[in-house]
Amino acid sequence: MARNALATLAAACIVALFAVALTAMTVGRLRVAGLIFLSASVLIYFRETHLVAG
């Protein structure tokens, strides 16, 4: 049950990261947006390999 809660929390963080990255892109902070998208991708990988799969 705790693993499911962590997976849900990770998904919420991913959505928040995407929102921040899109906002950064809108105002022209492309390097920051790229790093945030990269962070979201790593979090997606972690969620899918360690929190959901096992």
Protein backbone atom coordinates (compact mmCIF):
# COMPACT_ATOMS: atom_id res chain seq x y z
CA MET A 1 0.00 0.00 0.00
CA ALA A 2 2.84 2.38 0.78
CA ARG A 3 4.38 1.65 -2.61
CA ASN A 4 1.11 2.59 -4.33
CA ALA A 5 0.99 5.86 -2.39
CA LEU A 6 4.59 6.64 -3.37
CA ALA A 7 3.79 5.90 -7.02
CA THR A 8 0.81 8.27 -6.86
CA LEU A 9 2.93 10.95 -5.20
CA ALA A 10 5.59 10.52 -7.87
CA ALA A 11 2.95 10.92 -10.59
CA ALA A 12 1.73 14.13 -8.98
CA CYS A 13 5.30 15.44 -8.83
CA ILE A 14 5.77 14.59 -12.51
CA VAL A 15 2.68 16.59 -13.45
CA ALA A 16 3.92 19.53 -11.36
CA LEU A 17 7.36 19.35 -12.99
CA PHE A 18 5.81 19.40 -16.46
CA ALA A 19 3.73 22.45 -15.51
CA VAL A 20 6.80 24.29 -14.23
CA ALA A 21 8.80 23.32 -17.32
CA LEU A 22 6.07 24.56 -19.65
CA THR A 23 5.93 27.82 -17.72
CA ALA A 24 9.71 28.16 -17.99
CA MET A 25 9.50 27.57 -21.73
CA THR A 26 6.81 30.21 -22.06
CA VAL A 27 8.98 32.89 -20.48
CA GLY A 28 12.06 31.90 -22.48
CA ARG A 29 14.04 30.01 -19.83
CA LEU A 30 14.81 27.13 -22.17
CA ARG A 31 17.81 25.74 -20.28
CA VAL A 32 15.82 25.60 -17.06
CA ALA A 33 12.88 24.01 -18.88
CA GLY A 34 15.16 21.39 -20.40
CA LEU A 35 16.62 20.47 -17.03
CA ILE A 36 13.16 20.20 -15.52
CA PHE A 37 11.98 17.98 -18.38
CA LEU A 38 15.06 15.82 -17.83
CA SER A 39 14.25 15.59 -14.11
CA ALA A 40 10.67 14.59 -14.91
CA SER A 41 11.94 11.90 -17.29
CA VAL A 42 14.23 10.45 -14.63
CA LEU A 43 11.37 10.47 -12.13
CA ILE A 44 9.13 8.69 -14.66
CA TYR A 45 11.82 6.04 -15.14
CA PHE A 46 12.23 5.61 -11.38
CA ARG A 47 8.46 5.36 -10.89
CA GLU A 48 7.99 2.78 -13.62
CA THR A 49 10.96 0.59 -12.68
CA HIS A 50 10.89 0.70 -8.89
CA LEU A 51 7.46 1.77 -7.69
CA VAL A 52 4.98 0.28 -10.17
CA ALA A 53 6.72 -2.79 -11.55
CA GLY A 54 7.70 -4.48 -8.39
